[in-house]
N, C-alpha and C. Protein backbone atom coordinates (compact mmCIF):
# COMPACT_ATOMS: atom_id res chain seq x y z
N MET A 1 111.51 -70.91 132.14
CA MET A 1 111.60 -71.19 130.71
C MET A 1 112.68 -72.10 130.36
N ALA A 2 112.85 -73.15 129.25
CA ALA A 2 113.49 -73.40 128.64
C ALA A 2 114.70 -72.37 127.54
N ARG A 3 115.74 -73.18 128.25
CA ARG A 3 116.32 -71.93 127.20
C ARG A 3 116.39 -72.40 125.91
N VAL A 4 116.10 -71.47 124.78
CA VAL A 4 116.53 -71.93 123.37
C VAL A 4 118.17 -71.84 122.77
N SER A 5 118.14 -73.07 122.56
CA SER A 5 119.83 -73.76 121.98
C SER A 5 120.52 -72.72 120.78
N GLN A 6 121.26 -72.53 120.52
CA GLN A 6 122.02 -71.96 119.11
C GLN A 6 122.03 -72.68 118.59
N GLU A 7 121.84 -74.50 118.39
CA GLU A 7 121.05 -74.78 117.01
C GLU A 7 119.86 -74.28 116.39
N HIS A 8 119.47 -74.59 117.17
CA HIS A 8 117.67 -74.00 116.91
C HIS A 8 117.71 -72.45 116.17
N LEU A 9 117.85 -71.45 116.82
CA LEU A 9 118.50 -69.48 116.97
C LEU A 9 119.18 -70.32 114.99
N ASP A 10 120.17 -70.47 114.80
CA ASP A 10 120.44 -70.95 113.57
C ASP A 10 119.45 -71.84 112.24
N ALA A 11 118.74 -72.61 113.09
CA ALA A 11 117.75 -73.38 112.25
C ALA A 11 116.55 -72.75 111.99
N ARG A 12 116.51 -71.79 112.37
CA ARG A 12 114.97 -70.45 112.03
C ARG A 12 115.96 -69.53 111.25
N ARG A 13 117.04 -68.92 111.24
CA ARG A 13 117.55 -68.26 110.69
C ARG A 13 117.61 -68.75 109.76
N ARG A 14 117.98 -69.96 109.15
CA ARG A 14 118.11 -70.62 107.74
C ARG A 14 117.09 -70.88 107.00
N GLN A 15 115.77 -71.31 107.82
CA GLN A 15 114.54 -70.69 107.15
C GLN A 15 114.11 -70.01 106.93
N ILE A 16 114.34 -68.97 107.74
CA ILE A 16 113.80 -67.62 107.22
C ILE A 16 114.79 -66.76 105.75
N LEU A 17 115.68 -66.78 105.74
CA LEU A 17 116.92 -66.68 104.57
C LEU A 17 116.67 -67.68 103.46
N ASP A 18 116.45 -69.08 103.57
CA ASP A 18 116.35 -69.92 101.98
C ASP A 18 114.28 -69.61 101.45
N GLY A 19 113.53 -69.22 102.73
CA GLY A 19 112.56 -68.88 102.28
C GLY A 19 112.08 -67.12 101.48
N ALA A 20 113.39 -66.48 102.46
CA ALA A 20 113.23 -65.00 101.58
C ALA A 20 113.75 -65.23 100.74
N ALA A 21 115.02 -66.22 100.03
CA ALA A 21 115.38 -66.06 98.83
C ALA A 21 114.90 -66.72 97.72
N LEU A 22 113.26 -67.64 97.93
CA LEU A 22 112.71 -68.26 97.25
C LEU A 22 111.92 -67.52 96.73
N CYS A 23 111.35 -66.33 97.52
CA CYS A 23 110.32 -64.88 97.61
C CYS A 23 110.78 -64.39 96.30
N PHE A 24 111.70 -64.24 96.39
CA PHE A 24 112.47 -62.60 95.49
C PHE A 24 112.94 -63.09 94.06
N ALA A 25 113.36 -64.63 94.05
CA ALA A 25 114.01 -65.28 92.90
C ALA A 25 112.73 -65.38 92.64
N ARG A 26 111.49 -65.88 92.93
CA ARG A 26 110.25 -65.85 92.69
C ARG A 26 109.33 -64.55 91.53
N ASN A 27 109.38 -63.85 92.30
CA ASN A 27 108.81 -62.56 92.45
C ASN A 27 109.13 -61.23 92.19
N GLY A 28 110.26 -61.22 92.30
CA GLY A 28 111.32 -60.17 92.15
C GLY A 28 111.70 -59.63 93.56
N PHE A 29 112.63 -58.54 94.03
CA PHE A 29 112.71 -57.73 95.59
C PHE A 29 111.37 -56.41 95.57
N HIS A 30 111.38 -55.83 94.46
CA HIS A 30 109.83 -54.95 94.48
C HIS A 30 108.56 -55.21 95.20
N ALA A 31 108.85 -57.05 94.15
CA ALA A 31 107.27 -57.37 94.08
C ALA A 31 106.49 -58.21 95.45
N THR A 32 107.85 -58.20 96.22
CA THR A 32 107.88 -59.42 97.37
C THR A 32 107.98 -58.63 98.28
N SER A 33 106.71 -58.82 99.48
CA SER A 33 106.43 -57.97 100.74
C SER A 33 107.04 -58.98 101.44
N MET A 34 106.67 -58.10 103.03
CA MET A 34 107.23 -59.49 103.96
C MET A 34 106.29 -59.90 104.43
N GLN A 35 104.93 -59.53 104.38
CA GLN A 35 104.08 -59.93 104.44
C GLN A 35 104.50 -62.00 104.05
N ASP A 36 104.65 -61.84 102.75
CA ASP A 36 104.82 -62.95 101.24
C ASP A 36 106.25 -63.39 101.96
N VAL A 37 106.93 -62.88 102.85
CA VAL A 37 108.02 -63.85 103.11
C VAL A 37 107.22 -64.49 104.00
N LEU A 38 106.81 -64.16 105.71
CA LEU A 38 106.48 -64.47 106.56
C LEU A 38 104.83 -66.02 105.98
N LYS A 39 104.15 -65.31 104.95
CA LYS A 39 103.38 -66.72 104.61
C LYS A 39 104.31 -67.90 103.99
N GLU A 40 105.60 -67.84 102.96
CA GLU A 40 106.61 -68.94 102.58
C GLU A 40 106.97 -69.31 104.05
N VAL A 41 107.38 -68.62 104.97
CA VAL A 41 108.62 -69.77 105.83
C VAL A 41 107.52 -69.94 107.00
N ASP A 42 106.58 -69.94 106.90
CA ASP A 42 105.05 -69.93 107.81
C ASP A 42 105.53 -69.51 109.32
N LEU A 43 105.86 -68.90 109.83
CA LEU A 43 106.10 -67.95 110.98
C LEU A 43 105.39 -66.28 110.85
N SER A 44 105.44 -66.03 112.61
CA SER A 44 105.13 -64.81 113.15
C SER A 44 106.16 -63.67 112.19
N ALA A 45 105.11 -62.51 112.63
CA ALA A 45 106.00 -61.41 112.10
C ALA A 45 107.04 -61.06 113.42
N GLY A 46 106.74 -61.79 114.52
CA GLY A 46 107.75 -61.68 115.50
C GLY A 46 108.47 -62.41 115.97
N ALA A 47 108.49 -63.74 115.28
CA ALA A 47 109.41 -64.62 114.58
C ALA A 47 110.78 -64.12 113.71
N VAL A 48 110.09 -63.48 112.80
CA VAL A 48 111.09 -62.88 111.26
C VAL A 48 111.54 -61.40 112.70
N TYR A 49 111.04 -60.71 112.71
CA TYR A 49 111.71 -59.66 112.94
C TYR A 49 112.60 -59.76 114.34
N ARG A 50 112.53 -61.10 114.46
CA ARG A 50 113.90 -61.07 115.79
C ARG A 50 115.10 -61.08 115.66
N TYR A 51 115.10 -61.99 114.33
CA TYR A 51 116.48 -61.44 112.99
C TYR A 51 116.67 -60.32 112.21
N PHE A 52 115.56 -59.89 111.48
CA PHE A 52 115.79 -58.83 110.51
C PHE A 52 114.98 -57.81 111.07
N SER A 53 115.36 -56.66 110.22
CA SER A 53 114.76 -55.99 110.48
C SER A 53 113.89 -55.59 109.63
N GLY A 54 113.69 -56.25 108.61
CA GLY A 54 113.39 -55.75 107.22
C GLY A 54 113.63 -56.45 105.63
N LYS A 55 112.89 -56.57 105.06
CA LYS A 55 113.41 -56.89 104.03
C LYS A 55 114.28 -56.30 102.94
N GLU A 56 115.37 -55.19 103.50
CA GLU A 56 116.86 -54.67 102.94
C GLU A 56 117.38 -55.16 103.71
N GLU A 57 117.13 -56.04 105.32
CA GLU A 57 118.13 -56.75 105.65
C GLU A 57 118.49 -58.18 105.14
N LEU A 58 117.23 -58.24 105.31
CA LEU A 58 117.18 -59.11 104.63
C LEU A 58 118.33 -60.09 103.10
N ILE A 59 117.66 -58.87 102.35
CA ILE A 59 118.73 -59.18 101.26
C ILE A 59 119.99 -59.30 101.06
N ALA A 60 120.44 -57.95 102.01
CA ALA A 60 122.08 -58.18 102.44
C ALA A 60 122.78 -59.35 102.88
N ALA A 61 121.47 -59.62 103.98
CA ALA A 61 121.93 -61.17 104.23
C ALA A 61 122.43 -61.96 103.87
N ILE A 62 121.73 -62.05 102.91
CA ILE A 62 121.36 -63.38 101.27
C ILE A 62 122.73 -62.82 100.73
N VAL A 63 122.95 -61.72 100.24
CA VAL A 63 124.23 -61.29 99.71
C VAL A 63 125.10 -61.85 99.83
N THR A 64 125.68 -61.35 101.04
CA THR A 64 126.62 -61.56 102.34
C THR A 64 127.25 -62.89 102.14
N GLU A 65 125.75 -64.30 102.34
CA GLU A 65 125.64 -65.12 102.93
C GLU A 65 126.34 -65.94 101.54
N VAL A 66 126.35 -65.91 100.26
CA VAL A 66 126.06 -66.32 99.17
C VAL A 66 127.64 -65.66 98.57
N LEU A 67 128.03 -64.54 98.53
CA LEU A 67 129.49 -64.33 98.51
C LEU A 67 130.32 -65.00 99.58
N ASP A 68 130.34 -65.35 100.58
CA ASP A 68 130.95 -66.11 101.41
C ASP A 68 131.46 -67.33 101.55
N THR A 69 130.03 -67.71 100.59
CA THR A 69 130.20 -68.97 100.13
C THR A 69 131.74 -69.25 99.22
N VAL A 70 130.72 -68.43 98.45
CA VAL A 70 131.84 -68.64 97.17
C VAL A 70 133.57 -68.34 97.86
N ARG A 71 134.07 -67.37 97.90
CA ARG A 71 135.21 -66.98 98.51
C ARG A 71 135.76 -67.62 99.89
N GLY A 72 135.07 -68.49 100.04
CA GLY A 72 135.86 -69.71 100.81
C GLY A 72 136.26 -70.98 100.13
N ILE A 73 135.22 -71.63 99.11
CA ILE A 73 135.17 -72.46 98.55
C ILE A 73 136.36 -71.62 97.51
N TYR A 74 137.09 -70.45 96.82
CA TYR A 74 138.21 -70.52 96.19
C TYR A 74 139.37 -70.12 97.42
N GLU A 75 139.21 -69.61 98.28
CA GLU A 75 140.58 -70.00 99.48
C GLU A 75 140.82 -71.44 99.71
N ARG A 76 139.90 -71.88 99.80
CA ARG A 76 140.18 -73.68 100.31
C ARG A 76 140.94 -74.07 98.86
N ALA A 77 140.91 -73.48 97.92
CA ALA A 77 141.41 -74.20 96.24
C ALA A 77 142.77 -73.62 96.36
N ALA A 78 143.21 -72.31 96.90
CA ALA A 78 144.36 -71.51 97.04
C ALA A 78 145.37 -72.93 97.62
N LEU A 79 144.88 -72.89 98.58
CA LEU A 79 145.70 -74.24 99.57
C LEU A 79 146.16 -75.08 99.02
N GLU A 80 145.57 -75.54 97.75
CA GLU A 80 146.14 -76.85 97.05
C GLU A 80 146.98 -76.32 96.43
N SER A 81 147.66 -77.92 96.27
CA SER A 81 149.18 -77.25 95.44
C SER A 81 149.31 -78.44 94.28
N PRO A 82 149.25 -78.21 93.33
CA PRO A 82 148.54 -77.30 92.44
C PRO A 82 147.50 -76.73 92.84
N PRO A 83 146.92 -75.36 93.07
CA PRO A 83 145.37 -75.32 93.10
C PRO A 83 144.79 -75.77 91.66
N PRO A 84 143.26 -76.61 91.60
CA PRO A 84 142.62 -76.74 90.40
C PRO A 84 142.12 -75.69 89.38
N THR A 85 142.77 -76.31 88.39
CA THR A 85 142.66 -75.53 86.90
C THR A 85 141.05 -75.08 86.89
N PRO A 86 141.05 -74.02 86.08
CA PRO A 86 139.48 -73.48 86.43
C PRO A 86 138.46 -74.08 85.91
N ASP A 87 138.89 -74.78 84.55
CA ASP A 87 138.06 -75.82 84.01
C ASP A 87 137.38 -77.06 85.08
N VAL A 88 138.54 -77.21 86.45
CA VAL A 88 137.97 -77.66 87.21
C VAL A 88 136.97 -77.52 87.96
N LEU A 89 138.12 -76.12 88.66
CA LEU A 89 137.77 -74.71 89.93
C LEU A 89 135.94 -74.41 90.13
N ILE A 90 136.01 -73.88 88.58
CA ILE A 90 134.30 -73.48 87.99
C ILE A 90 133.26 -74.20 88.29
N PRO A 91 133.38 -75.32 87.93
CA PRO A 91 132.57 -76.42 87.62
C PRO A 91 132.13 -76.39 88.93
N ARG A 92 133.23 -76.91 90.04
CA ARG A 92 132.94 -77.23 91.25
C ARG A 92 132.62 -76.33 92.08
N THR A 93 132.75 -74.76 91.46
CA THR A 93 132.56 -74.32 92.26
C THR A 93 130.87 -73.88 92.49
N LEU A 94 129.91 -74.23 91.16
CA LEU A 94 128.87 -74.28 90.86
C LEU A 94 127.90 -75.44 91.35
N THR A 95 128.94 -76.68 91.66
CA THR A 95 128.52 -77.99 91.98
C THR A 95 128.04 -77.49 93.59
N ARG A 96 129.18 -77.69 94.15
CA ARG A 96 129.08 -76.96 95.89
C ARG A 96 127.63 -76.01 95.95
N MET A 97 127.79 -75.13 95.10
CA MET A 97 126.88 -73.68 95.33
C MET A 97 125.22 -74.70 95.76
N ARG A 98 125.31 -75.65 94.82
CA ARG A 98 123.61 -76.16 94.02
C ARG A 98 123.97 -77.37 95.68
N GLU A 99 125.14 -77.75 96.29
CA GLU A 99 124.88 -78.69 97.52
C GLU A 99 124.55 -77.79 98.62
N LEU A 100 125.33 -76.42 98.56
CA LEU A 100 124.98 -75.70 100.00
C LEU A 100 123.74 -74.60 99.91
N ARG A 101 122.92 -74.30 98.86
CA ARG A 101 121.74 -73.69 98.50
C ARG A 101 120.47 -74.37 97.33
N PRO A 102 120.14 -75.36 98.03
CA PRO A 102 119.55 -76.34 97.25
C PRO A 102 118.20 -75.79 96.74
N ALA A 103 117.48 -74.97 97.21
CA ALA A 103 116.21 -74.35 97.27
C ALA A 103 116.07 -74.73 95.37
N THR A 104 115.06 -74.43 95.46
CA THR A 104 114.47 -74.66 94.28
C THR A 104 113.34 -73.92 93.98
N LEU A 105 113.13 -73.55 93.07
CA LEU A 105 111.23 -72.97 92.39
C LEU A 105 109.98 -73.73 92.19
N ASP A 106 109.03 -73.28 92.00
CA ASP A 106 107.88 -74.51 91.88
C ASP A 106 108.30 -75.10 91.08
N ASP A 107 109.08 -75.64 89.63
CA ASP A 107 109.15 -75.90 88.44
C ASP A 107 109.98 -76.53 88.89
N GLY A 108 110.80 -77.01 89.96
CA GLY A 108 112.16 -77.51 89.83
C GLY A 108 113.30 -76.46 89.83
N GLU A 109 113.38 -75.62 88.93
CA GLU A 109 114.53 -75.20 88.42
C GLU A 109 115.27 -74.63 90.00
N TRP A 110 116.72 -74.55 90.30
CA TRP A 110 117.43 -73.41 90.76
C TRP A 110 117.67 -72.87 91.31
N MET A 111 116.97 -71.46 91.81
CA MET A 111 116.95 -70.64 92.16
C MET A 111 117.81 -69.21 92.55
N PHE A 112 118.82 -70.18 92.43
CA PHE A 112 120.15 -68.97 92.84
C PHE A 112 120.37 -67.83 91.77
N PRO A 113 121.08 -68.51 90.60
CA PRO A 113 120.85 -67.66 89.20
C PRO A 113 120.20 -66.85 89.08
N ARG A 114 118.86 -67.18 89.77
CA ARG A 114 117.60 -66.23 88.71
C ARG A 114 118.37 -65.07 90.07
N LEU A 115 118.42 -65.76 91.65
CA LEU A 115 118.68 -64.54 92.65
C LEU A 115 120.06 -63.29 92.20
N MET A 116 120.24 -64.13 91.80
CA MET A 116 121.91 -63.31 91.19
C MET A 116 121.64 -62.08 90.57
N ILE A 117 120.70 -62.49 89.49
CA ILE A 117 120.47 -61.19 88.65
C ILE A 117 119.28 -60.50 89.04
N GLN A 118 118.54 -60.85 90.24
CA GLN A 118 117.57 -59.82 91.24
C GLN A 118 118.86 -58.89 91.73
N VAL A 119 119.75 -59.72 92.62
CA VAL A 119 121.27 -58.94 92.57
C VAL A 119 121.22 -57.64 91.81
N TRP A 120 122.27 -58.19 91.21
CA TRP A 120 123.20 -57.09 90.08
C TRP A 120 121.34 -55.97 89.75
N THR A 121 120.27 -56.32 89.69
CA THR A 121 119.44 -55.10 89.23
C THR A 121 119.04 -53.83 90.37
N GLU A 122 119.02 -54.88 91.86
CA GLU A 122 119.10 -53.79 93.33
C GLU A 122 119.95 -52.61 93.48
N THR A 123 121.39 -53.66 92.98
CA THR A 123 122.31 -52.76 93.57
C THR A 123 122.97 -51.54 92.50
N THR A 124 121.73 -51.78 91.61
CA THR A 124 122.32 -50.11 90.67
C THR A 124 121.09 -48.87 91.18
N ARG A 125 120.36 -49.45 92.43
CA ARG A 125 119.77 -48.47 93.06
C ARG A 125 119.40 -48.68 94.60
N ASN A 126 120.58 -49.49 95.12
CA ASN A 126 120.35 -49.39 96.48
C ASN A 126 122.20 -49.00 96.56
N PRO A 127 122.55 -48.11 97.65
CA PRO A 127 123.86 -47.80 97.44
C PRO A 127 124.10 -49.06 98.18
N GLU A 128 123.22 -48.98 100.05
CA GLU A 128 123.66 -49.96 100.96
C GLU A 128 123.95 -51.53 100.53
N LEU A 129 123.32 -51.77 99.31
CA LEU A 129 123.39 -53.28 98.65
C LEU A 129 125.02 -53.40 97.62
N ALA A 130 124.92 -52.54 96.86
CA ALA A 130 125.68 -51.98 96.28
C ALA A 130 127.80 -52.22 96.60
N ALA A 131 127.37 -51.43 98.26
CA ALA A 131 128.29 -51.83 98.70
C ALA A 131 128.88 -52.99 99.27
N VAL A 132 127.89 -53.67 100.01
CA VAL A 132 128.07 -55.49 100.52
C VAL A 132 128.28 -55.91 99.23
N LEU A 133 127.83 -55.51 98.01
CA LEU A 133 127.83 -56.96 96.71
C LEU A 133 129.65 -55.91 96.50
N ARG A 134 130.01 -55.11 96.44
CA ARG A 134 131.52 -54.48 96.21
C ARG A 134 132.10 -55.28 97.02
N GLU A 135 131.95 -55.30 98.16
CA GLU A 135 132.93 -55.67 99.85
C GLU A 135 133.04 -56.61 98.97
N GLY A 136 132.17 -57.78 99.01
CA GLY A 136 132.31 -59.29 98.27
C GLY A 136 133.49 -59.32 97.28
N TYR A 137 132.80 -58.93 96.53
CA TYR A 137 133.22 -58.68 95.28
C TYR A 137 135.31 -58.77 94.87
N GLN A 138 135.55 -57.20 95.78
CA GLN A 138 136.79 -57.68 96.03
C GLN A 138 137.66 -58.88 97.24
N GLU A 139 136.54 -59.53 97.69
CA GLU A 139 137.27 -60.82 98.40
C GLU A 139 137.29 -61.73 97.32
N VAL A 140 136.33 -61.85 96.77
CA VAL A 140 136.23 -63.02 95.52
C VAL A 140 137.50 -62.89 94.77
N ARG A 141 137.55 -61.82 94.59
CA ARG A 141 139.14 -61.05 93.72
C ARG A 141 140.58 -61.90 94.53
N ALA A 142 139.93 -61.10 95.22
CA ALA A 142 141.71 -61.67 96.27
C ALA A 142 141.70 -63.02 96.32
N GLY A 143 141.12 -64.09 96.17
CA GLY A 143 141.18 -65.35 96.48
C GLY A 143 141.06 -65.96 94.87
N TRP A 144 140.96 -65.50 93.99
CA TRP A 144 140.92 -65.62 92.36
C TRP A 144 142.38 -65.33 92.25
N GLY A 145 142.98 -64.31 92.96
CA GLY A 145 144.27 -64.21 93.08
C GLY A 145 145.66 -64.83 93.61
N ARG A 146 144.35 -65.36 94.82
CA ARG A 146 146.04 -66.42 95.20
C ARG A 146 145.46 -67.55 94.80
N ILE A 147 144.89 -68.20 93.66
CA ILE A 147 144.47 -69.06 93.02
C ILE A 147 145.68 -68.98 92.05
N VAL A 148 145.93 -67.77 91.54
CA VAL A 148 146.92 -67.50 90.44
C VAL A 148 148.18 -67.55 90.64
N GLU A 149 148.59 -66.81 91.89
CA GLU A 149 149.74 -67.05 92.23
C GLU A 149 149.91 -68.57 92.68
N GLY A 150 149.55 -69.12 92.73
CA GLY A 150 149.52 -70.55 92.60
C GLY A 150 149.80 -71.68 91.58
N TYR A 151 149.07 -71.46 90.82
CA TYR A 151 149.23 -72.05 89.23
C TYR A 151 150.90 -71.31 89.06
N LYS A 152 151.28 -70.09 89.06
CA LYS A 152 152.62 -69.45 88.96
C LYS A 152 153.81 -70.40 89.70
N ASP A 153 153.32 -70.09 90.83
CA ASP A 153 154.29 -71.50 91.78
C ASP A 153 154.30 -72.70 90.95
N ALA A 154 153.28 -72.90 90.44
CA ALA A 154 153.87 -74.73 90.34
C ALA A 154 154.12 -74.49 88.77
N GLY A 155 154.39 -73.56 88.09
CA GLY A 155 154.92 -72.64 86.53
C GLY A 155 153.84 -73.48 85.95
N LEU A 156 152.66 -73.20 85.96
CA LEU A 156 151.44 -73.77 85.23
C LEU A 156 151.13 -72.17 84.63
N MET A 157 151.62 -71.47 85.02
CA MET A 157 151.49 -70.01 84.17
C MET A 157 152.37 -68.77 84.61
N PRO A 158 152.98 -68.35 83.30
CA PRO A 158 154.21 -67.34 83.13
C PRO A 158 154.60 -66.21 84.35
N ALA A 159 154.94 -66.32 85.26
CA ALA A 159 155.49 -65.07 86.06
C ALA A 159 155.19 -63.90 86.20
N ASP A 160 155.29 -63.58 84.57
CA ASP A 160 154.13 -62.53 84.85
C ASP A 160 152.56 -61.84 84.52
N ALA A 161 152.02 -63.17 84.47
CA ALA A 161 150.60 -62.95 83.84
C ALA A 161 149.98 -62.12 84.70
N ASP A 162 148.98 -61.44 84.41
CA ASP A 162 148.92 -60.39 85.28
C ASP A 162 147.41 -61.37 86.10
N ALA A 163 147.43 -61.43 87.23
CA ALA A 163 146.68 -62.19 88.00
C ALA A 163 145.35 -61.92 88.57
N ASP A 164 144.95 -60.47 88.70
CA ASP A 164 144.26 -59.81 89.00
C ASP A 164 142.97 -59.55 87.56
N ALA A 165 143.71 -59.73 86.11
CA ALA A 165 143.03 -59.43 85.21
C ALA A 165 142.22 -60.84 85.25
N MET A 166 142.91 -61.86 85.39
CA MET A 166 142.26 -63.19 85.39
C MET A 166 141.82 -63.77 86.50
N ALA A 167 141.57 -62.87 87.30
CA ALA A 167 140.63 -63.19 88.80
C ALA A 167 139.21 -62.32 88.03
N ARG A 168 139.06 -61.30 87.57
CA ARG A 168 138.37 -60.59 86.74
C ARG A 168 137.64 -61.52 85.67
N THR A 169 138.32 -61.94 84.73
CA THR A 169 138.02 -62.56 83.91
C THR A 169 137.26 -63.91 84.07
N MET A 170 137.75 -64.96 85.37
CA MET A 170 137.12 -65.68 85.76
C MET A 170 136.07 -65.99 86.46
N ILE A 171 136.21 -64.62 87.22
CA ILE A 171 134.63 -63.76 88.05
C ILE A 171 133.45 -64.12 86.62
N ALA A 172 134.35 -63.15 85.59
CA ALA A 172 132.95 -62.52 84.67
C ALA A 172 132.73 -64.02 84.18
N VAL A 173 133.22 -65.52 84.14
CA VAL A 173 132.52 -67.05 83.21
C VAL A 173 131.73 -67.41 84.40
N VAL A 174 131.79 -66.92 85.65
CA VAL A 174 131.16 -67.42 86.75
C VAL A 174 129.45 -66.81 86.41
N GLN A 175 129.93 -65.32 86.44
CA GLN A 175 128.90 -64.49 86.37
C GLN A 175 127.89 -65.04 84.98
N GLY A 176 128.42 -64.67 84.29
CA GLY A 176 128.00 -65.25 82.69
C GLY A 176 126.71 -66.38 82.38
N PHE A 177 127.49 -67.34 82.80
CA PHE A 177 126.96 -68.43 82.88
C PHE A 177 125.83 -68.81 83.88
N ALA A 178 125.87 -68.09 85.13
CA ALA A 178 125.14 -67.79 85.96
C ALA A 178 123.30 -67.19 85.49
N ALA A 179 124.11 -65.82 84.41
CA ALA A 179 123.22 -65.47 83.31
C ALA A 179 122.38 -66.77 82.91
N GLN A 180 123.24 -67.39 82.07
CA GLN A 180 122.56 -68.15 80.86
C GLN A 180 121.84 -69.09 81.45
N ILE A 181 121.95 -69.90 82.62
CA ILE A 181 120.72 -70.70 83.48
C ILE A 181 119.58 -70.04 83.93
N ALA A 182 119.72 -68.88 84.52
CA ALA A 182 118.46 -68.09 85.26
C ALA A 182 117.70 -67.85 83.60
N LEU A 183 118.44 -67.34 82.56
CA LEU A 183 117.67 -66.98 81.65
C LEU A 183 117.26 -68.07 80.41
N PHE A 184 117.95 -69.00 80.36
CA PHE A 184 117.63 -70.20 79.02
C PHE A 184 117.98 -71.67 80.08
N GLY A 185 118.23 -71.64 80.71
CA GLY A 185 118.36 -73.01 81.56
C GLY A 185 119.42 -74.07 80.69
N GLY A 186 119.17 -75.07 81.37
CA GLY A 186 119.60 -76.17 80.68
C GLY A 186 121.71 -76.48 80.26
N ILE A 187 121.82 -75.62 80.84
CA ILE A 187 123.64 -75.67 81.05
C ILE A 187 123.81 -76.44 82.14
N SER A 188 124.62 -77.80 81.94
CA SER A 188 125.69 -77.92 83.48
C SER A 188 126.80 -77.60 83.88
N GLU A 189 127.01 -77.51 84.73
CA GLU A 189 128.23 -78.06 85.21
C GLU A 189 129.54 -78.52 84.29
N GLU A 190 129.20 -79.68 83.58
CA GLU A 190 129.90 -80.40 82.86
C GLU A 190 130.03 -79.41 81.67
N THR A 191 129.32 -78.52 80.58
CA THR A 191 129.25 -77.80 79.90
C THR A 191 130.36 -76.29 79.84
N VAL A 192 130.21 -76.75 81.32
CA VAL A 192 130.92 -75.28 81.70
C VAL A 192 132.42 -75.66 81.71
N GLY A 193 132.64 -76.70 82.66
CA GLY A 193 134.02 -77.52 82.16
C GLY A 193 134.46 -77.78 80.83
N GLY A 194 133.77 -78.01 79.91
CA GLY A 194 133.89 -78.36 78.77
C GLY A 194 134.56 -77.31 77.95
N GLY A 195 133.84 -76.54 78.38
CA GLY A 195 134.04 -74.86 76.82
C GLY A 195 135.16 -74.21 77.85
N LEU A 196 135.65 -74.61 78.60
CA LEU A 196 136.34 -73.88 79.95
C LEU A 196 137.76 -74.93 79.76
N ARG A 197 137.58 -75.96 79.24
CA ARG A 197 138.71 -76.37 78.41
C ARG A 197 139.04 -76.57 76.87
N ALA A 198 138.25 -77.00 76.49
CA ALA A 198 138.52 -75.95 74.95
C ALA A 198 138.94 -74.60 74.70
N LEU A 199 138.62 -73.58 75.25
CA LEU A 199 139.23 -72.63 75.30
C LEU A 199 141.26 -72.53 75.69
N MET A 200 141.48 -73.84 76.56
CA MET A 200 142.74 -73.94 77.24
C MET A 200 143.31 -74.63 76.42
N THR A 201 142.95 -74.90 75.29
CA THR A 201 143.82 -75.90 74.46
C THR A 201 144.41 -75.42 73.01
N VAL A 202 143.26 -73.63 72.89
CA VAL A 202 144.06 -73.52 71.94
C VAL A 202 145.50 -72.79 72.16
N PRO A 203 146.17 -73.13 71.41
CA PRO A 203 147.78 -72.39 71.27
C PRO A 203 148.32 -71.16 71.74
N LEU A 204 148.69 -71.20 71.91
CA LEU A 204 149.37 -69.61 72.05
C LEU A 204 149.87 -68.67 71.00
N SER A 205 150.53 -69.87 69.85
CA SER A 205 151.09 -69.04 69.06
C SER A 205 149.50 -68.38 67.67
N ALA A 206 148.07 -69.16 68.30
CA ALA A 206 147.18 -68.90 67.50
C ALA A 206 146.64 -67.09 68.28
N ARG A 207 146.72 -67.44 69.69
CA ARG A 207 146.38 -65.98 70.65
C ARG A 207 146.86 -65.09 69.71
N ASP A 208 148.35 -65.15 69.72
CA ASP A 208 148.78 -63.57 69.36
C ASP A 208 148.78 -63.64 67.77
N ALA A 209 147.64 -63.95 67.29
CA ALA A 209 148.08 -64.06 65.64
C ALA A 209 147.35 -63.08 65.01
């Protein structure tokens, strides 16, 4: 019997994850059954269950993968000298996510912002998923913290700036724009960057007033 290559196994796992993500974004976690996933990916139950034990494991795998992708983007940015400023880095992150996770819904809408909202809702009732999300959030926060330290080293921020506060704020910006994209659409990466650049031009004297 011919041996199945790792490349084939990885491609099949990718197929299952992308198909499940589309189902979840389209109909929500609770309205999506494993039969829906099987139909979406056009595979047998045995083929899918070889990789994932069920819907809960699929959800956790999708969340982990997305968080790992975001963390990797920030970790690479922290190695730049100086790191890209928020008005560059956050749009870059959204663009990179579109490139790596390009799946769309039936109407052409990029589905990952909708999926993010589904995940946030699910964590309120699913302790295991909440733990996965919490761990990933901590890693993303740490990545942003390293970026802020790079700003300090380059003289772009005061030495006493609160790195963790900025990390939390920048994560909130990404989450907020993702929510707007999911709920209202029509928001581009250029809009995000332009808004951040405008905020960054507010003089310190006005902020302290």
